[in-house]
Amino acid sequence: EKTKWVTFRVKPVAVPSTFVICAGFNPEQTKGVYVHYDNNSSGNSYTGLPGEEMTVFNDGEWMIRAVVQGAGAQEPPSQK
C-alpha cells in the first residue's frame, strides 16, 4: 500500500511550552501500523514502553507531526 499522512483528531488539551508526544500501538505480524522515519537523526525522536525509560531513536526521526494551535483557533486543514 502507498504511504500517506494520516490525521488523528484528538480532544483539545492544554500543553506546556515544551512537551512530548507519545504514540502507542500494539503491532503484531498481521495488524498494527507502520510509522515511517527519515534517515537523519538529530536526537529528537525516542522509543520506549510504558513504565520504562525512553531511549534515543538513533535510526532517524519518526515521521509524526503535531499541529499545535492557540485556544479558540480555527481547525487546521486536513493533510492529504
PDB file of N, CA and C in Angstrom:
ATOM      1  N   GLU A   1       0.843  -1.181   0.000  1.00  0.00           N
ATOM      2  CA  GLU A   1       0.000   0.000   0.000  1.00  0.00           C
ATOM      3  C   GLU A   1       0.883   1.237   0.000  1.00  0.00           C
ATOM      4  N   LYS A   2       0.448   2.260  -0.691  1.00  0.00           N
ATOM      5  CA  LYS A   2       1.183   3.512  -0.767  1.00  0.00           C
ATOM      6  C   LYS A   2       1.184   4.220   0.588  1.00  0.00           C
ATOM      7  N   THR A   3       2.328   4.801   0.943  1.00  0.00           N
ATOM      8  CA  THR A   3       2.400   5.528   2.210  1.00  0.00           C
ATOM      9  C   THR A   3       1.664   6.853   2.096  1.00  0.00           C
ATOM     10  N   LYS A   4       1.146   7.325   3.228  1.00  0.00           N
ATOM     11  CA  LYS A   4       0.402   8.587   3.240  1.00  0.00           C
ATOM     12  C   LYS A   4       0.390   9.147   4.649  1.00  0.00           C
ATOM     13  N   TRP A   5       0.142  10.446   4.758  1.00  0.00           N
ATOM     14  CA  TRP A   5      -0.049  11.078   6.054  1.00  0.00           C
ATOM     15  C   TRP A   5      -1.460  10.786   6.515  1.00  0.00           C
ATOM     16  N   VAL A   6      -1.618  10.500   7.776  1.00  0.00           N
ATOM     17  CA  VAL A   6      -2.921  10.236   8.369  1.00  0.00           C
ATOM     18  C   VAL A   6      -3.109  11.218   9.514  1.00  0.00           C
ATOM     19  N   THR A   7      -4.295  11.809   9.610  1.00  0.00           N
ATOM     20  CA  THR A   7      -4.578  12.762  10.675  1.00  0.00           C
ATOM     21  C   THR A   7      -5.438  12.099  11.739  1.00  0.00           C
ATOM     22  N   PHE A   8      -4.986  12.178  12.974  1.00  0.00           N
ATOM     23  CA  PHE A   8      -5.760  11.701  14.116  1.00  0.00           C
ATOM     24  C   PHE A   8      -6.251  12.925  14.869  1.00  0.00           C
ATOM     25  N   ARG A   9      -7.535  13.074  14.937  1.00  0.00           N
ATOM     26  CA  ARG A   9      -8.113  14.183  15.692  1.00  0.00           C
ATOM     27  C   ARG A   9      -8.176  13.782  17.160  1.00  0.00           C
ATOM     28  N   VAL A  10      -7.768  14.679  18.024  1.00  0.00           N
ATOM     29  CA  VAL A  10      -7.821  14.424  19.459  1.00  0.00           C
ATOM     30  C   VAL A  10      -8.526  15.587  20.133  1.00  0.00           C
ATOM     31  N   LYS A  11      -9.041  15.329  21.319  1.00  0.00           N
ATOM     32  CA  LYS A  11      -9.687  16.393  22.073  1.00  0.00           C
ATOM     33  C   LYS A  11      -8.651  17.433  22.455  1.00  0.00           C
ATOM     34  N   PRO A  12      -9.010  18.703  22.403  1.00  0.00           N
ATOM     35  CA  PRO A  12      -8.054  19.753  22.788  1.00  0.00           C
ATOM     36  C   PRO A  12      -7.586  19.569  24.231  1.00  0.00           C
ATOM     37  N   VAL A  13      -6.326  19.850  24.435  1.00  0.00           N
ATOM     38  CA  VAL A  13      -5.736  19.751  25.766  1.00  0.00           C
ATOM     39  C   VAL A  13      -4.675  20.841  25.888  1.00  0.00           C
ATOM     40  N   ALA A  14      -4.578  21.449  27.046  1.00  0.00           N
ATOM     41  CA  ALA A  14      -3.547  22.457  27.285  1.00  0.00           C
ATOM     42  C   ALA A  14      -2.195  21.755  27.422  1.00  0.00           C
ATOM     43  N   VAL A  15      -1.171  22.324  26.802  1.00  0.00           N
ATOM     44  CA  VAL A  15       0.175  21.762  26.884  1.00  0.00           C
ATOM     45  C   VAL A  15       1.151  22.858  27.311  1.00  0.00           C
ATOM     46  N   PRO A  16       2.229  22.489  27.975  1.00  0.00           N
ATOM     47  CA  PRO A  16       3.259  23.478  28.319  1.00  0.00           C
ATOM     48  C   PRO A  16       4.069  23.835  27.072  1.00  0.00           C
ATOM     49  N   SER A  17       4.962  24.786  27.181  1.00  0.00           N
ATOM     50  CA  SER A  17       5.747  25.208  26.019  1.00  0.00           C
ATOM     51  C   SER A  17       6.665  24.102  25.505  1.00  0.00           C
ATOM     52  N   THR A  18       7.076  23.188  26.371  1.00  0.00           N
ATOM     53  CA  THR A  18       7.866  22.026  25.969  1.00  0.00           C
ATOM     54  C   THR A  18       7.098  20.772  26.376  1.00  0.00           C
ATOM     55  N   PHE A  19       6.874  19.872  25.412  1.00  0.00           N
ATOM     56  CA  PHE A  19       6.118  18.657  25.711  1.00  0.00           C
ATOM     57  C   PHE A  19       6.550  17.541  24.779  1.00  0.00           C
ATOM     58  N   VAL A  20       6.146  16.329  25.087  1.00  0.00           N
ATOM     59  CA  VAL A  20       6.479  15.142  24.308  1.00  0.00           C
ATOM     60  C   VAL A  20       5.187  14.510  23.828  1.00  0.00           C
ATOM     61  N   ILE A  21       5.187  14.021  22.593  1.00  0.00           N
ATOM     62  CA  ILE A  21       4.050  13.279  22.051  1.00  0.00           C
ATOM     63  C   ILE A  21       4.408  11.801  22.105  1.00  0.00           C
ATOM     64  N   CYS A  22       3.551  11.023  22.707  1.00  0.00           N
ATOM     65  CA  CYS A  22       3.757   9.573  22.767  1.00  0.00           C
ATOM     66  C   CYS A  22       2.698   8.908  21.903  1.00  0.00           C
ATOM     67  N   ALA A  23       3.132   8.094  20.967  1.00  0.00           N
ATOM     68  CA  ALA A  23       2.214   7.358  20.106  1.00  0.00           C
ATOM     69  C   ALA A  23       2.330   5.889  20.458  1.00  0.00           C
ATOM     70  N   GLY A  24       1.245   5.325  20.946  1.00  0.00           N
ATOM     71  CA  GLY A  24       1.271   3.929  21.334  1.00  0.00           C
ATOM     72  C   GLY A  24       0.424   3.087  20.409  1.00  0.00           C
ATOM     73  N   PHE A  25       0.914   1.926  20.073  1.00  0.00           N
ATOM     74  CA  PHE A  25       0.154   0.978  19.269  1.00  0.00           C
ATOM     75  C   PHE A  25       0.643  -0.415  19.612  1.00  0.00           C
ATOM     76  N   ASN A  26      -0.153  -1.397  19.304  1.00  0.00           N
ATOM     77  CA  ASN A  26       0.181  -2.780  19.632  1.00  0.00           C
ATOM     78  C   ASN A  26       0.391  -3.575  18.344  1.00  0.00           C
ATOM     79  N   PRO A  27       1.528  -3.411  17.689  1.00  0.00           N
ATOM     80  CA  PRO A  27       1.735  -4.092  16.417  1.00  0.00           C
ATOM     81  C   PRO A  27       1.934  -5.593  16.590  1.00  0.00           C
ATOM     82  N   GLU A  28       1.438  -6.320  15.654  1.00  0.00           N
ATOM     83  CA  GLU A  28       1.661  -7.756  15.560  1.00  0.00           C
ATOM     84  C   GLU A  28       1.959  -8.064  14.107  1.00  0.00           C
ATOM     85  N   GLN A  29       2.212  -9.295  13.809  1.00  0.00           N
ATOM     86  CA  GLN A  29       2.590  -9.661  12.443  1.00  0.00           C
ATOM     87  C   GLN A  29       1.485  -9.336  11.441  1.00  0.00           C
ATOM     88  N   THR A  30       0.219  -9.420  11.846  1.00  0.00           N
ATOM     89  CA  THR A  30      -0.878  -9.231  10.892  1.00  0.00           C
ATOM     90  C   THR A  30      -1.722  -8.000  11.168  1.00  0.00           C
ATOM     91  N   LYS A  31      -1.352  -7.167  12.143  1.00  0.00           N
ATOM     92  CA  LYS A  31      -2.120  -5.952  12.399  1.00  0.00           C
ATOM     93  C   LYS A  31      -1.210  -4.886  12.987  1.00  0.00           C
ATOM     94  N   GLY A  32      -1.700  -3.672  13.024  1.00  0.00           N
ATOM     95  CA  GLY A  32      -0.931  -2.567  13.579  1.00  0.00           C
ATOM     96  C   GLY A  32      -0.710  -1.501  12.539  1.00  0.00           C
ATOM     97  N   VAL A  33       0.200  -0.596  12.829  1.00  0.00           N
ATOM     98  CA  VAL A  33       0.517   0.489  11.904  1.00  0.00           C
ATOM     99  C   VAL A  33       2.021   0.515  11.673  1.00  0.00           C
ATOM    100  N   TYR A  34       2.403   1.041  10.541  1.00  0.00           N
ATOM    101  CA  TYR A  34       3.800   1.291  10.250  1.00  0.00           C
ATOM    102  C   TYR A  34       4.013   2.793  10.354  1.00  0.00           C
ATOM    103  N   VAL A  35       4.932   3.210  11.194  1.00  0.00           N
ATOM    104  CA  VAL A  35       5.284   4.619  11.304  1.00  0.00           C
ATOM    105  C   VAL A  35       6.622   4.786  10.607  1.00  0.00           C
ATOM    106  N   HIS A  36       6.639   5.624   9.592  1.00  0.00           N
ATOM    107  CA  HIS A  36       7.872   5.822   8.831  1.00  0.00           C
ATOM    108  C   HIS A  36       8.813   6.758   9.573  1.00  0.00           C
ATOM    109  N   TYR A  37      10.069   6.712   9.197  1.00  0.00           N
ATOM    110  CA  TYR A  37      11.061   7.620   9.742  1.00  0.00           C
ATOM    111  C   TYR A  37      12.021   8.005   8.635  1.00  0.00           C
ATOM    112  N   ASP A  38      12.625   9.201   8.781  1.00  0.00           N
ATOM    113  CA  ASP A  38      13.631   9.596   7.800  1.00  0.00           C
ATOM    114  C   ASP A  38      14.991   9.093   8.294  1.00  0.00           C
ATOM    115  N   ASN A  39      16.012   9.300   7.498  1.00  0.00           N
ATOM    116  CA  ASN A  39      17.325   8.749   7.843  1.00  0.00           C
ATOM    117  C   ASN A  39      18.214   9.707   8.624  1.00  0.00           C
ATOM    118  N   ASN A  40      17.732  10.911   8.905  1.00  0.00           N
ATOM    119  CA  ASN A  40      18.526  11.882   9.648  1.00  0.00           C
ATOM    120  C   ASN A  40      18.168  11.817  11.114  1.00  0.00           C
ATOM    121  N   SER A  41      19.148  11.654  11.970  1.00  0.00           N
ATOM    122  CA  SER A  41      18.874  11.576  13.398  1.00  0.00           C
ATOM    123  C   SER A  41      19.451  12.793  14.096  1.00  0.00           C
ATOM    124  N   SER A  42      18.567  13.597  14.669  1.00  0.00           N
ATOM    125  CA  SER A  42      19.018  14.764  15.423  1.00  0.00           C
ATOM    126  C   SER A  42      18.895  14.525  16.915  1.00  0.00           C
ATOM    127  N   GLY A  43      18.413  13.345  17.296  1.00  0.00           N
ATOM    128  CA  GLY A  43      18.243  13.040  18.708  1.00  0.00           C
ATOM    129  C   GLY A  43      16.926  13.522  19.278  1.00  0.00           C
ATOM    130  N   ASN A  44      15.974  13.908  18.401  1.00  0.00           N
ATOM    131  CA  ASN A  44      14.680  14.400  18.859  1.00  0.00           C
ATOM    132  C   ASN A  44      13.602  13.324  18.894  1.00  0.00           C
ATOM    133  N   SER A  45      13.894  12.117  18.422  1.00  0.00           N
ATOM    134  CA  SER A  45      12.918  11.031  18.448  1.00  0.00           C
ATOM    135  C   SER A  45      13.375   9.960  19.426  1.00  0.00           C
ATOM    136  N   TYR A  46      12.406   9.377  20.107  1.00  0.00           N
ATOM    137  CA  TYR A  46      12.695   8.391  21.138  1.00  0.00           C
ATOM    138  C   TYR A  46      11.843   7.148  20.941  1.00  0.00           C
ATOM    139  N   THR A  47      12.242   6.067  21.591  1.00  0.00           N
ATOM    140  CA  THR A  47      11.432   4.867  21.673  1.00  0.00           C
ATOM    141  C   THR A  47      11.308   4.496  23.149  1.00  0.00           C
ATOM    142  N   GLY A  48      10.287   3.729  23.464  1.00  0.00           N
ATOM    143  CA  GLY A  48      10.112   3.304  24.838  1.00  0.00           C
ATOM    144  C   GLY A  48       8.783   2.606  25.023  1.00  0.00           C
ATOM    145  N   LEU A  49       8.632   2.028  26.176  1.00  0.00           N
ATOM    146  CA  LEU A  49       7.401   1.353  26.552  1.00  0.00           C
ATOM    147  C   LEU A  49       6.895   1.956  27.858  1.00  0.00           C
ATOM    148  N   PRO A  50       5.588   1.882  28.110  1.00  0.00           N
ATOM    149  CA  PRO A  50       5.061   2.417  29.365  1.00  0.00           C
ATOM    150  C   PRO A  50       5.794   1.828  30.577  1.00  0.00           C
ATOM    151  N   GLY A  51       6.154   2.697  31.502  1.00  0.00           N
ATOM    152  CA  GLY A  51       6.834   2.256  32.704  1.00  0.00           C
ATOM    153  C   GLY A  51       8.332   2.093  32.561  1.00  0.00           C
ATOM    154  N   GLU A  52       8.869   2.373  31.372  1.00  0.00           N
ATOM    155  CA  GLU A  52      10.307   2.253  31.143  1.00  0.00           C
ATOM    156  C   GLU A  52      10.875   3.596  30.699  1.00  0.00           C
ATOM    157  N   GLU A  53      12.182   3.752  30.839  1.00  0.00           N
ATOM    158  CA  GLU A  53      12.852   4.960  30.371  1.00  0.00           C
ATOM    159  C   GLU A  53      12.831   5.009  28.847  1.00  0.00           C
ATOM    160  N   MET A  54      12.678   6.222  28.297  1.00  0.00           N
ATOM    161  CA  MET A  54      12.772   6.397  26.852  1.00  0.00           C
ATOM    162  C   MET A  54      14.246   6.357  26.449  1.00  0.00           C
ATOM    163  N   THR A  55      14.510   5.886  25.220  1.00  0.00           N
ATOM    164  CA  THR A  55      15.862   5.922  24.678  1.00  0.00           C
ATOM    165  C   THR A  55      15.827   6.639  23.341  1.00  0.00           C
ATOM    166  N   VAL A  56      16.935   7.270  22.987  1.00  0.00           N
ATOM    167  CA  VAL A  56      17.021   7.995  21.716  1.00  0.00           C
ATOM    168  C   VAL A  56      16.896   6.998  20.566  1.00  0.00           C
ATOM    169  N   PHE A  57      16.088   7.345  19.563  1.00  0.00           N
ATOM    170  CA  PHE A  57      15.934   6.536  18.350  1.00  0.00           C
ATOM    171  C   PHE A  57      17.037   6.961  17.389  1.00  0.00           C
ATOM    172  N   ASN A  58      18.098   6.178  17.301  1.00  0.00           N
ATOM    173  CA  ASN A  58      19.284   6.550  16.530  1.00  0.00           C
ATOM    174  C   ASN A  58      19.171   6.294  15.035  1.00  0.00           C
ATOM    175  N   ASP A  59      18.110   5.624  14.585  1.00  0.00           N
ATOM    176  CA  ASP A  59      17.988   5.286  13.165  1.00  0.00           C
ATOM    177  C   ASP A  59      17.421   6.425  12.328  1.00  0.00           C
ATOM    178  N   GLY A  60      16.930   7.483  12.943  1.00  0.00           N
ATOM    179  CA  GLY A  60      16.348   8.590  12.195  1.00  0.00           C
ATOM    180  C   GLY A  60      15.379   9.371  13.049  1.00  0.00           C
ATOM    181  N   GLU A  61      14.426  10.019  12.403  1.00  0.00           N
ATOM    182  CA  GLU A  61      13.385  10.785  13.079  1.00  0.00           C
ATOM    183  C   GLU A  61      12.028  10.214  12.686  1.00  0.00           C
ATOM    184  N   TRP A  62      11.186   9.934  13.683  1.00  0.00           N
ATOM    185  CA  TRP A  62       9.836   9.447  13.395  1.00  0.00           C
ATOM    186  C   TRP A  62       9.074  10.484  12.582  1.00  0.00           C
ATOM    187  N   MET A  63       8.305  10.043  11.636  1.00  0.00           N
ATOM    188  CA  MET A  63       7.507  10.942  10.786  1.00  0.00           C
ATOM    189  C   MET A  63       6.140  11.151  11.436  1.00  0.00           C
ATOM    190  N   ILE A  64       6.162  11.794  12.584  1.00  0.00           N
ATOM    191  CA  ILE A  64       4.955  12.139  13.330  1.00  0.00           C
ATOM    192  C   ILE A  64       4.988  13.638  13.542  1.00  0.00           C
ATOM    193  N   ARG A  65       3.904  14.300  13.234  1.00  0.00           N
ATOM    194  CA  ARG A  65       3.839  15.751  13.311  1.00  0.00           C
ATOM    195  C   ARG A  65       2.647  16.164  14.157  1.00  0.00           C
ATOM    196  N   ALA A  66       2.873  17.061  15.088  1.00  0.00           N
ATOM    197  CA  ALA A  66       1.778  17.603  15.896  1.00  0.00           C
ATOM    198  C   ALA A  66       1.388  18.963  15.346  1.00  0.00           C
ATOM    199  N   VAL A  67       0.099  19.216  15.305  1.00  0.00           N
ATOM    200  CA  VAL A  67      -0.400  20.540  14.940  1.00  0.00           C
ATOM    201  C   VAL A  67      -0.867  21.179  16.235  1.00  0.00           C
ATOM    202  N   VAL A  68      -0.161  22.217  16.652  1.00  0.00           N
ATOM    203  CA  VAL A  68      -0.464  22.895  17.905  1.00  0.00           C
ATOM    204  C   VAL A  68      -0.978  24.283  17.567  1.00  0.00           C
ATOM    205  N   GLN A  69      -2.082  24.642  18.181  1.00  0.00           N
ATOM    206  CA  GLN A  69      -2.655  25.959  17.905  1.00  0.00           C
ATOM    207  C   GLN A  69      -3.197  26.549  19.190  1.00  0.00           C
ATOM    208  N   GLY A  70      -3.312  27.862  19.205  1.00  0.00           N
ATOM    209  CA  GLY A  70      -3.805  28.552  20.387  1.00  0.00           C
ATOM    210  C   GLY A  70      -5.276  28.299  20.634  1.00  0.00           C
ATOM    211  N   ALA A  71      -5.704  28.559  21.861  1.00  0.00           N
ATOM    212  CA  ALA A  71      -7.096  28.378  22.234  1.00  0.00           C
ATOM    213  C   ALA A  71      -7.999  29.230  21.340  1.00  0.00           C
ATOM    214  N   GLY A  72      -9.083  28.667  20.875  1.00  0.00           N
ATOM    215  CA  GLY A  72     -10.043  29.387  20.043  1.00  0.00           C
ATOM    216  C   GLY A  72      -9.660  29.496  18.584  1.00  0.00           C
ATOM    217  N   ALA A  73      -8.525  28.911  18.188  1.00  0.00           N
ATOM    218  CA  ALA A  73      -8.094  28.966  16.788  1.00  0.00           C
ATOM    219  C   ALA A  73      -8.977  28.066  15.933  1.00  0.00           C
ATOM    220  N   GLN A  74      -9.015  28.378  14.633  1.00  0.00           N
ATOM    221  CA  GLN A  74      -9.786  27.555  13.715  1.00  0.00           C
ATOM    222  C   GLN A  74      -9.078  26.225  13.508  1.00  0.00           C
ATOM    223  N   GLU A  75      -9.848  25.200  13.161  1.00  0.00           N
ATOM    224  CA  GLU A  75      -9.300  23.881  12.919  1.00  0.00           C
ATOM    225  C   GLU A  75      -8.386  23.920  11.705  1.00  0.00           C
ATOM    226  N   PRO A  76      -7.218  23.262  11.780  1.00  0.00           N
ATOM    227  CA  PRO A  76      -6.274  23.271  10.653  1.00  0.00           C
ATOM    228  C   PRO A  76      -6.840  22.456   9.486  1.00  0.00           C
ATOM    229  N   PRO A  77      -6.393  22.761   8.264  1.00  0.00           N
ATOM    230  CA  PRO A  77      -6.842  21.955   7.108  1.00  0.00           C
ATOM    231  C   PRO A  77      -6.294  20.555   7.215  1.00  0.00           C
ATOM    232  N   SER A  78      -7.029  19.592   6.703  1.00  0.00           N
ATOM    233  CA  SER A  78      -6.555  18.201   6.759  1.00  0.00           C
ATOM    234  C   SER A  78      -5.419  18.035   5.757  1.00  0.00           C
ATOM    235  N   GLN A  79      -4.512  17.123   6.056  1.00  0.00           N
ATOM    236  CA  GLN A  79      -3.385  16.836   5.159  1.00  0.00           C
ATOM    237  C   GLN A  79      -3.761  15.668   4.283  1.00  0.00           C
ATOM    238  N   LYS A  80      -3.467  15.757   3.030  1.00  0.00           N
ATOM    239  CA  LYS A  80      -3.772  14.678   2.080  1.00  0.00           C
ATOM    240  C   LYS A  80      -2.495  14.099   1.563  1.00  0.00           C
TER     241      LYS A  80
END
